[in-house]
N, C-alpha and C. Protein backbone atom coordinates (compact mmCIF):
# COMPACT_ATOMS: atom_id res chain seq x y z
N MET A 1 -11.12 -27.27 49.19
CA MET A 1 -11.24 -26.92 50.77
C MET A 1 -11.80 -25.49 50.86
N ASN A 2 -12.65 -25.48 51.99
CA ASN A 2 -13.34 -24.38 52.36
C ASN A 2 -12.88 -23.51 53.67
N CYS A 3 -12.90 -22.44 53.68
CA CYS A 3 -12.40 -21.66 55.00
C CYS A 3 -13.33 -21.98 55.92
N PRO A 4 -12.84 -22.43 57.07
CA PRO A 4 -13.62 -22.71 58.27
C PRO A 4 -14.63 -21.67 58.87
N LYS A 5 -14.28 -20.31 58.46
CA LYS A 5 -15.08 -19.34 59.08
C LYS A 5 -16.01 -18.90 58.13
N CYS A 6 -15.88 -18.49 56.88
CA CYS A 6 -16.61 -17.94 56.06
C CYS A 6 -17.40 -19.04 54.87
N LYS A 7 -16.59 -20.33 54.88
CA LYS A 7 -17.01 -21.35 54.01
C LYS A 7 -16.83 -21.11 52.47
N ASN A 8 -16.03 -19.98 52.30
CA ASN A 8 -15.70 -19.72 50.70
C ASN A 8 -14.49 -20.58 50.38
N PRO A 9 -14.35 -21.08 49.02
CA PRO A 9 -13.42 -21.90 48.50
C PRO A 9 -11.97 -21.36 48.68
N ILE A 10 -10.77 -22.03 49.18
CA ILE A 10 -9.50 -21.74 49.55
C ILE A 10 -8.78 -22.66 49.04
N GLU A 11 -7.52 -22.46 48.60
CA GLU A 11 -6.41 -23.45 48.43
C GLU A 11 -6.15 -24.18 49.45
N LYS A 12 -5.63 -25.39 49.23
CA LYS A 12 -5.29 -26.24 50.28
C LYS A 12 -4.19 -26.00 51.38
N ASP A 13 -3.20 -24.90 50.73
CA ASP A 13 -2.15 -24.74 51.60
C ASP A 13 -2.27 -23.08 51.98
N THR A 14 -3.58 -22.56 52.04
CA THR A 14 -3.81 -21.10 52.25
C THR A 14 -3.51 -20.84 53.90
N ILE A 15 -2.74 -19.81 53.99
CA ILE A 15 -2.30 -19.27 55.30
C ILE A 15 -3.46 -18.35 55.79
N VAL A 16 -3.99 -17.44 54.75
CA VAL A 16 -4.90 -16.29 55.08
C VAL A 16 -6.17 -16.39 53.96
N CYS A 17 -7.23 -16.41 54.74
CA CYS A 17 -8.35 -16.64 53.74
C CYS A 17 -8.52 -15.23 52.72
N GLU A 18 -8.74 -15.26 51.67
CA GLU A 18 -8.62 -14.20 50.82
C GLU A 18 -9.96 -13.29 50.89
N TRP A 19 -11.12 -14.19 51.39
CA TRP A 19 -12.33 -13.60 51.39
C TRP A 19 -12.64 -12.84 52.82
N CYS A 20 -12.36 -13.43 53.92
CA CYS A 20 -12.64 -12.84 55.02
C CYS A 20 -11.28 -12.57 55.99
N GLY A 21 -10.17 -12.74 55.73
CA GLY A 21 -8.98 -12.48 56.26
C GLY A 21 -8.57 -13.29 57.40
N VAL A 22 -9.45 -14.27 57.79
CA VAL A 22 -9.06 -15.20 58.96
C VAL A 22 -7.85 -15.97 58.61
N LYS A 23 -6.91 -16.06 59.38
CA LYS A 23 -5.80 -17.02 59.24
C LYS A 23 -6.16 -18.48 59.47
N VAL A 24 -5.68 -19.32 58.47
CA VAL A 24 -5.98 -20.62 58.49
C VAL A 24 -4.81 -21.56 58.43
N ALA A 25 -4.75 -22.65 59.29
CA ALA A 25 -3.52 -23.26 59.17
C ALA A 25 -4.12 -24.72 59.33
N GLN A 26 -3.84 -25.49 58.21
CA GLN A 26 -4.14 -26.99 58.38
C GLN A 26 -5.70 -27.31 58.99
N ASN A 27 -6.69 -26.80 58.24
CA ASN A 27 -7.93 -27.00 58.62
C ASN A 27 -8.44 -26.43 60.03
N GLN A 28 -7.57 -25.53 60.51
CA GLN A 28 -7.91 -24.86 61.69
C GLN A 28 -8.12 -23.32 61.54
N ILE A 29 -8.87 -22.66 62.34
CA ILE A 29 -8.81 -21.21 62.32
C ILE A 29 -7.80 -20.85 63.31
N VAL A 30 -7.15 -19.63 62.75
CA VAL A 30 -6.09 -18.76 63.58
C VAL A 30 -6.73 -17.61 63.87
N GLU A 31 -7.33 -17.23 64.90
CA GLU A 31 -7.83 -15.89 65.38
C GLU A 31 -7.64 -15.45 66.62
N ASP A 32 -7.23 -14.15 66.63
CA ASP A 32 -7.04 -13.22 67.87
C ASP A 32 -5.86 -14.03 68.64
N ASP A 33 -4.74 -14.45 68.14
CA ASP A 33 -3.69 -14.91 68.82
C ASP A 33 -3.97 -16.42 69.36
N VAL A 34 -5.15 -16.85 68.78
CA VAL A 34 -5.41 -18.51 69.46
C VAL A 34 -5.97 -19.40 68.03
N SER A 35 -5.13 -20.43 67.86
CA SER A 35 -5.88 -21.50 66.91
C SER A 35 -6.81 -22.23 67.68
N VAL A 36 -7.67 -22.61 67.19
CA VAL A 36 -8.77 -23.60 67.67
C VAL A 36 -9.03 -24.62 66.81
N THR A 37 -8.48 -25.95 67.39
CA THR A 37 -8.80 -27.10 66.62
C THR A 37 -9.78 -27.78 67.57
N ASP A 38 -10.22 -29.09 67.11
CA ASP A 38 -11.20 -29.78 67.76
C ASP A 38 -11.44 -29.66 69.34
N LYS A 39 -10.12 -30.06 69.84
CA LYS A 39 -9.95 -30.25 71.40
C LYS A 39 -8.77 -29.39 71.70
N THR A 40 -7.94 -28.43 70.90
CA THR A 40 -6.65 -28.13 71.32
C THR A 40 -6.77 -26.57 71.08
N VAL A 41 -6.18 -25.86 71.96
CA VAL A 41 -6.03 -24.50 71.94
C VAL A 41 -4.57 -24.08 71.89
N VAL A 42 -4.15 -23.33 70.85
CA VAL A 42 -2.41 -23.18 70.78
C VAL A 42 -2.33 -21.79 70.76
N ARG A 43 -1.73 -21.22 71.64
CA ARG A 43 -1.37 -19.61 71.51
C ARG A 43 -0.54 -19.27 70.56
N HIS A 44 -0.90 -18.23 69.87
CA HIS A 44 0.21 -17.63 68.82
C HIS A 44 0.71 -16.33 69.51
N LYS A 45 1.67 -16.52 70.44
CA LYS A 45 1.96 -14.93 70.97
C LYS A 45 2.88 -13.92 69.72
N ARG A 46 2.75 -12.82 69.96
CA ARG A 46 3.27 -11.65 69.23
C ARG A 46 4.65 -11.82 69.54
N HIS A 47 5.74 -11.20 68.62
CA HIS A 47 7.28 -11.15 68.73
C HIS A 47 7.37 -10.34 69.91
N GLY A 48 8.46 -10.83 70.71
CA GLY A 48 8.77 -10.25 72.10
C GLY A 48 9.06 -8.63 71.75
N PHE A 49 9.58 -8.06 70.84
CA PHE A 49 9.85 -6.40 70.83
C PHE A 49 8.62 -5.77 70.69
N VAL A 50 7.41 -6.45 70.04
CA VAL A 50 6.34 -5.67 70.14
C VAL A 50 5.68 -5.40 71.36
N THR A 51 5.77 -6.44 72.05
CA THR A 51 5.20 -6.45 73.41
C THR A 51 6.24 -5.55 74.23
N PHE A 52 7.40 -5.66 74.14
CA PHE A 52 8.25 -4.54 74.91
C PHE A 52 7.93 -3.21 74.44
N TRP A 53 7.60 -2.93 73.32
CA TRP A 53 7.46 -1.62 72.85
C TRP A 53 6.13 -1.00 73.47
N LEU A 54 5.17 -2.13 73.50
CA LEU A 54 3.91 -1.55 73.92
C LEU A 54 3.89 -1.19 75.36
N ILE A 55 4.82 -1.99 76.17
CA ILE A 55 4.90 -1.93 77.67
C ILE A 55 5.61 -0.53 77.72
N PHE A 56 6.67 -0.31 77.11
CA PHE A 56 7.39 0.97 77.14
C PHE A 56 6.51 2.09 76.81
N MET A 57 5.66 2.17 75.81
CA MET A 57 4.67 3.17 75.53
C MET A 57 3.71 3.45 76.76
N ILE A 58 3.38 2.39 77.21
CA ILE A 58 2.35 2.65 78.58
C ILE A 58 3.13 3.39 79.61
N ILE A 59 4.24 3.04 80.11
CA ILE A 59 5.06 3.48 80.89
C ILE A 59 5.40 4.99 80.66
N ALA A 60 5.84 5.20 79.30
CA ALA A 60 6.35 6.65 79.04
C ALA A 60 5.14 7.43 78.97
N ASN A 61 3.96 6.83 78.51
CA ASN A 61 2.85 7.85 78.57
C ASN A 61 2.18 8.18 79.73
N ILE A 62 2.19 7.08 80.96
CA ILE A 62 1.90 7.44 82.27
C ILE A 62 2.62 8.42 82.66
N ILE A 63 4.17 8.37 82.54
CA ILE A 63 4.83 9.49 83.00
C ILE A 63 4.63 10.76 82.37
N THR A 64 4.28 10.89 81.02
CA THR A 64 4.06 12.08 80.11
C THR A 64 2.55 12.69 80.86
N ALA A 65 1.61 11.70 81.19
CA ALA A 65 0.23 12.29 81.83
C ALA A 65 0.52 13.04 82.89
N ILE A 66 1.27 12.44 83.83
CA ILE A 66 1.30 12.70 85.27
C ILE A 66 2.24 14.02 85.08
N SER A 67 3.48 14.22 84.26
CA SER A 67 4.24 15.59 84.19
C SER A 67 3.42 16.49 83.61
N ASN A 68 2.45 16.30 82.69
CA ASN A 68 1.56 17.43 82.08
C ASN A 68 0.60 17.81 83.22
N VAL A 69 0.00 16.99 83.83
CA VAL A 69 -0.87 17.54 84.89
C VAL A 69 -0.30 18.37 86.01
N TYR A 70 0.95 17.76 86.35
CA TYR A 70 1.64 18.58 87.28
C TYR A 70 2.17 20.01 86.77
N ILE A 71 2.71 20.17 85.56
CA ILE A 71 3.16 21.48 85.01
C ILE A 71 1.76 22.12 84.73
N GLY A 72 0.64 21.64 84.38
CA GLY A 72 -0.56 22.22 84.02
C GLY A 72 -0.95 22.97 85.42
N THR A 73 -0.97 22.28 86.60
CA THR A 73 -1.60 22.90 87.61
C THR A 73 -0.36 23.67 88.39
N GLU A 74 0.87 23.79 88.10
CA GLU A 74 1.57 24.76 88.49
C GLU A 74 1.49 26.06 87.91
N SER A 75 0.89 25.80 86.39
CA SER A 75 1.11 27.11 85.77
C SER A 75 -0.35 27.72 85.52
N GLN A 76 -0.93 27.89 86.73
CA GLN A 76 -2.50 28.37 86.62
C GLN A 76 -2.35 29.73 86.27
N GLY A 77 -3.23 30.23 85.64
CA GLY A 77 -3.31 31.59 85.09
C GLY A 77 -2.62 31.75 83.61
N ASN A 78 -1.70 30.60 83.53
CA ASN A 78 -0.98 30.75 82.18
C ASN A 78 -1.82 30.29 81.08
N PRO A 79 -1.81 30.90 79.83
CA PRO A 79 -2.65 30.48 78.92
C PRO A 79 -2.32 28.94 78.26
N ALA A 80 -0.98 28.61 78.51
CA ALA A 80 -0.51 27.09 78.07
C ALA A 80 -1.01 26.27 79.05
N ASN A 81 -1.82 26.86 79.91
CA ASN A 81 -2.24 25.75 81.13
C ASN A 81 -3.11 24.34 80.32
N SER A 82 -4.06 25.09 79.66
CA SER A 82 -4.96 24.03 79.02
C SER A 82 -4.21 23.20 78.01
N SER A 83 -3.22 23.66 77.39
CA SER A 83 -2.39 22.73 76.54
C SER A 83 -1.81 21.54 77.24
N PHE A 84 -1.27 22.07 78.33
CA PHE A 84 -0.62 20.69 79.22
C PHE A 84 -1.77 19.77 79.65
N MET A 85 -2.98 20.37 79.80
CA MET A 85 -4.10 19.41 80.26
C MET A 85 -4.45 18.51 78.94
N VAL A 86 -4.49 19.10 77.94
CA VAL A 86 -4.94 18.36 76.57
C VAL A 86 -3.77 17.43 76.32
N ALA A 87 -2.49 17.77 76.52
CA ALA A 87 -1.47 16.77 76.45
C ALA A 87 -1.63 15.56 77.35
N ALA A 88 -2.06 15.88 78.44
CA ALA A 88 -2.12 14.89 79.55
C ALA A 88 -3.49 13.83 78.95
N ILE A 89 -4.36 14.32 78.39
CA ILE A 89 -5.47 13.55 77.83
C ILE A 89 -4.93 12.94 76.70
N GLY A 90 -4.13 13.24 75.90
CA GLY A 90 -3.63 12.63 74.96
C GLY A 90 -2.76 11.38 75.17
N ALA A 91 -1.87 11.67 76.40
CA ALA A 91 -1.17 10.64 76.98
C ALA A 91 -2.03 9.50 77.52
N ILE A 92 -3.01 9.92 78.29
CA ILE A 92 -3.83 8.94 78.78
C ILE A 92 -4.72 8.05 77.55
N LEU A 93 -4.89 8.77 76.50
CA LEU A 93 -5.57 7.95 75.32
C LEU A 93 -4.41 7.15 74.74
N ASN A 94 -3.12 7.27 74.80
CA ASN A 94 -2.12 6.74 74.39
C ASN A 94 -1.99 5.28 75.23
N VAL A 95 -2.15 5.56 76.62
CA VAL A 95 -2.03 4.38 77.42
C VAL A 95 -3.11 3.42 77.29
N VAL A 96 -4.41 4.00 77.06
CA VAL A 96 -5.79 3.14 76.71
C VAL A 96 -5.20 2.26 75.40
N GLY A 97 -4.63 3.02 74.37
CA GLY A 97 -4.51 2.65 73.19
C GLY A 97 -3.36 1.66 73.14
N ALA A 98 -2.37 1.60 73.92
CA ALA A 98 -1.36 0.45 74.21
C ALA A 98 -1.95 -0.57 74.68
N ILE A 99 -2.63 -0.38 75.96
CA ILE A 99 -3.23 -1.46 76.70
C ILE A 99 -4.17 -2.56 75.57
N SER A 100 -5.02 -1.76 74.93
CA SER A 100 -5.83 -2.38 73.99
C SER A 100 -5.02 -3.21 72.95
N LEU A 101 -3.94 -2.61 72.44
CA LEU A 101 -3.27 -3.35 71.39
C LEU A 101 -2.39 -4.62 72.30
N LEU A 102 -2.02 -4.50 73.57
CA LEU A 102 -1.40 -5.78 74.19
C LEU A 102 -2.82 -6.75 74.32
N TYR A 103 -3.98 -6.35 74.44
CA TYR A 103 -5.03 -7.18 74.35
C TYR A 103 -5.50 -7.72 73.03
N ALA A 104 -4.94 -7.14 71.87
CA ALA A 104 -5.09 -7.56 70.47
C ALA A 104 -6.17 -7.03 69.85
N TYR A 105 -6.77 -5.73 70.26
CA TYR A 105 -7.65 -4.68 69.73
C TYR A 105 -7.13 -3.75 69.04
N LYS A 106 -7.57 -3.75 67.63
CA LYS A 106 -7.04 -2.73 66.50
C LYS A 106 -7.41 -1.43 66.77
N TRP A 107 -8.57 -1.40 67.50
CA TRP A 107 -8.86 0.02 67.87
C TRP A 107 -7.96 1.01 68.65
N GLY A 108 -7.12 0.24 69.20
CA GLY A 108 -6.09 0.82 69.97
C GLY A 108 -5.09 1.63 69.10
N PHE A 109 -4.87 1.11 67.95
CA PHE A 109 -4.11 1.70 67.16
C PHE A 109 -4.67 3.05 66.61
N TYR A 110 -5.94 3.04 66.38
CA TYR A 110 -6.52 4.31 65.95
C TYR A 110 -6.64 5.25 67.26
N THR A 111 -6.55 4.94 68.33
CA THR A 111 -6.44 5.97 69.43
C THR A 111 -5.22 6.71 69.32
N PHE A 112 -4.13 5.98 69.13
CA PHE A 112 -2.81 6.76 68.76
C PHE A 112 -2.95 7.83 67.77
N ILE A 113 -3.63 7.33 66.54
CA ILE A 113 -3.77 8.40 65.46
C ILE A 113 -4.66 9.47 66.12
N PHE A 114 -5.77 9.39 66.63
CA PHE A 114 -6.41 10.50 67.25
C PHE A 114 -5.57 11.42 67.97
N SER A 115 -4.80 10.86 68.91
CA SER A 115 -3.97 11.83 69.92
C SER A 115 -2.90 12.22 69.30
N ALA A 116 -2.43 11.70 68.27
CA ALA A 116 -1.32 12.29 67.60
C ALA A 116 -1.62 13.54 66.52
N PHE A 117 -2.98 13.58 65.96
CA PHE A 117 -3.37 14.66 65.56
C PHE A 117 -3.99 15.63 66.45
N LEU A 118 -4.38 15.24 67.60
CA LEU A 118 -5.03 16.07 68.53
C LEU A 118 -3.82 17.11 69.12
N ALA A 119 -2.48 16.26 69.29
CA ALA A 119 -1.27 16.89 69.76
C ALA A 119 -0.73 17.93 68.69
N ALA A 120 -0.93 17.55 67.15
CA ALA A 120 -0.41 18.37 66.33
C ALA A 120 -1.08 19.56 66.13
N VAL A 121 -2.78 19.64 66.18
CA VAL A 121 -3.37 20.69 66.32
C VAL A 121 -2.88 21.65 67.40
N VAL A 122 -3.00 21.07 68.71
CA VAL A 122 -2.54 22.04 69.91
C VAL A 122 -1.25 22.66 69.76
N ASN A 123 -0.23 21.80 69.26
CA ASN A 123 1.07 22.57 68.90
C ASN A 123 0.78 23.68 67.93
N ILE A 124 0.19 23.34 66.93
CA ILE A 124 0.06 24.33 65.84
C ILE A 124 -0.68 25.86 66.34
N ILE A 125 -1.55 25.44 67.31
CA ILE A 125 -2.35 26.67 68.02
C ILE A 125 -1.25 27.33 68.68
N ASN A 126 -0.56 26.79 69.58
CA ASN A 126 0.28 27.28 70.55
C ASN A 126 1.67 27.77 69.72
N GLY A 127 1.82 27.93 68.53
CA GLY A 127 2.98 28.52 67.78
C GLY A 127 4.03 27.64 67.57
N VAL A 128 3.98 26.32 67.66
CA VAL A 128 5.02 25.45 67.36
C VAL A 128 5.33 25.36 65.99
N PRO A 129 6.69 25.51 65.31
CA PRO A 129 6.60 25.38 63.86
C PRO A 129 6.14 24.03 63.26
N MET A 130 5.59 24.24 62.20
CA MET A 130 4.63 23.33 61.48
C MET A 130 5.27 21.89 61.37
N LEU A 131 6.72 21.96 60.92
CA LEU A 131 7.26 20.64 61.06
C LEU A 131 7.54 20.02 62.28
N MET A 132 7.86 20.65 63.17
CA MET A 132 7.77 20.18 64.62
C MET A 132 6.59 19.60 65.21
N ALA A 133 5.49 20.32 64.76
CA ALA A 133 4.13 19.94 65.20
C ALA A 133 3.73 18.71 64.66
N LEU A 134 3.77 18.46 63.30
CA LEU A 134 3.59 17.32 62.57
C LEU A 134 4.51 16.14 62.69
N LEU A 135 5.74 16.38 63.53
CA LEU A 135 6.62 15.34 63.54
C LEU A 135 6.04 14.31 64.48
N GLY A 136 5.15 14.40 65.30
CA GLY A 136 4.59 13.30 66.43
C GLY A 136 3.48 12.46 65.42
N ILE A 137 3.14 12.85 64.37
CA ILE A 137 2.41 11.98 63.49
C ILE A 137 3.52 10.94 63.00
N ALA A 138 4.66 11.04 62.80
CA ALA A 138 5.69 9.92 62.36
C ALA A 138 5.66 8.99 63.39
N GLY A 139 5.22 9.04 64.67
CA GLY A 139 5.21 8.12 65.73
C GLY A 139 4.25 6.94 65.28
N ILE A 140 3.18 7.33 64.49
CA ILE A 140 1.99 6.21 64.02
C ILE A 140 2.80 5.45 63.11
N ALA A 141 3.62 6.04 62.04
CA ALA A 141 4.34 5.14 61.17
C ALA A 141 5.18 4.19 62.05
N VAL A 142 5.95 4.65 63.10
CA VAL A 142 6.90 3.89 63.82
C VAL A 142 5.95 2.74 64.51
N LEU A 143 4.91 3.09 65.03
CA LEU A 143 4.23 2.09 65.70
C LEU A 143 3.54 1.09 64.59
N PHE A 144 2.94 1.50 63.52
CA PHE A 144 2.69 0.67 62.46
C PHE A 144 3.81 -0.37 62.05
N ALA A 145 5.05 0.30 61.83
CA ALA A 145 5.99 -0.58 61.28
C ALA A 145 6.29 -1.63 62.31
N ILE A 146 6.35 -1.27 63.77
CA ILE A 146 6.61 -2.22 64.78
C ILE A 146 5.62 -3.35 64.68
N LEU A 147 4.24 -2.93 64.31
CA LEU A 147 3.38 -3.97 64.51
C LEU A 147 3.35 -4.79 63.28
N GLN A 148 4.33 -4.59 62.14
CA GLN A 148 4.40 -5.40 60.98
C GLN A 148 5.52 -6.54 61.44
N ILE A 149 6.20 -6.46 62.73
CA ILE A 149 6.95 -7.50 62.86
C ILE A 149 6.41 -8.87 63.28
N LYS A 150 6.95 -9.70 62.62
CA LYS A 150 6.32 -11.09 62.42
C LYS A 150 6.92 -12.35 63.37
N LYS A 151 6.19 -12.93 63.94
CA LYS A 151 6.51 -14.28 64.63
C LYS A 151 5.86 -15.36 64.23
N HIS A 152 6.45 -16.39 63.72
CA HIS A 152 5.74 -17.58 63.01
C HIS A 152 5.20 -17.28 61.66
N GLY A 153 5.80 -16.12 61.12
CA GLY A 153 5.18 -15.85 59.81
C GLY A 153 3.81 -14.91 59.95
N ILE A 154 3.52 -14.28 60.96
CA ILE A 154 2.17 -13.69 61.25
C ILE A 154 2.68 -12.43 61.93
N SER A 155 2.38 -11.19 61.25
CA SER A 155 2.69 -10.03 61.74
C SER A 155 1.62 -9.77 63.13
N ALA A 156 2.28 -8.83 64.05
CA ALA A 156 1.22 -8.64 64.95
C ALA A 156 -0.09 -7.83 64.45
N TRP A 157 0.07 -7.12 63.24
CA TRP A 157 -0.95 -6.48 63.10
C TRP A 157 -2.08 -7.15 62.46
N LYS A 158 -1.77 -8.37 61.67
CA LYS A 158 -2.76 -9.34 61.49
C LYS A 158 -3.49 -10.27 62.46
N THR A 159 -2.89 -10.10 63.78
CA THR A 159 -3.48 -10.78 64.85
C THR A 159 -4.55 -9.84 65.63
N LEU A 160 -4.62 -8.56 65.19
CA LEU A 160 -5.60 -7.64 65.93
C LEU A 160 -6.87 -8.01 65.44
N LYS A 161 -7.63 -7.90 66.38
CA LYS A 161 -9.12 -7.98 66.02
C LYS A 161 -9.97 -7.01 66.21
């Protein structure tokens, strides 16, 4: 049997092609949360908790962005003012990242990595203790762990394009 996508040889009961990484199920390609057979399209949805977490991240980061913009505009003349604006930008990046993960784009995860390191740098510059400044990076590990939750044997991470 050959992979329907890359045409390399695979075992008959293969779930994921070892060559190209496409999910294969009974002679059909399973890509981007959708299985395509000759005339049938079957949706493979991610685990409900993953969807809940991403929606929670969108709401929490919208609130964070708005509050940081408000605090930043109220503290004009204060050197920390720019830090609040950078935090607001980071929160907006997280909203964009969470929305892209909802639509199954892997680059959304990388926006979380970027904003976590941005926040760590800003916190260190502002004198936040190193451990506290780097604690936000642990959020990346939590998000990655949540993306490993499986539904029908396929993790949310594997469904990202």
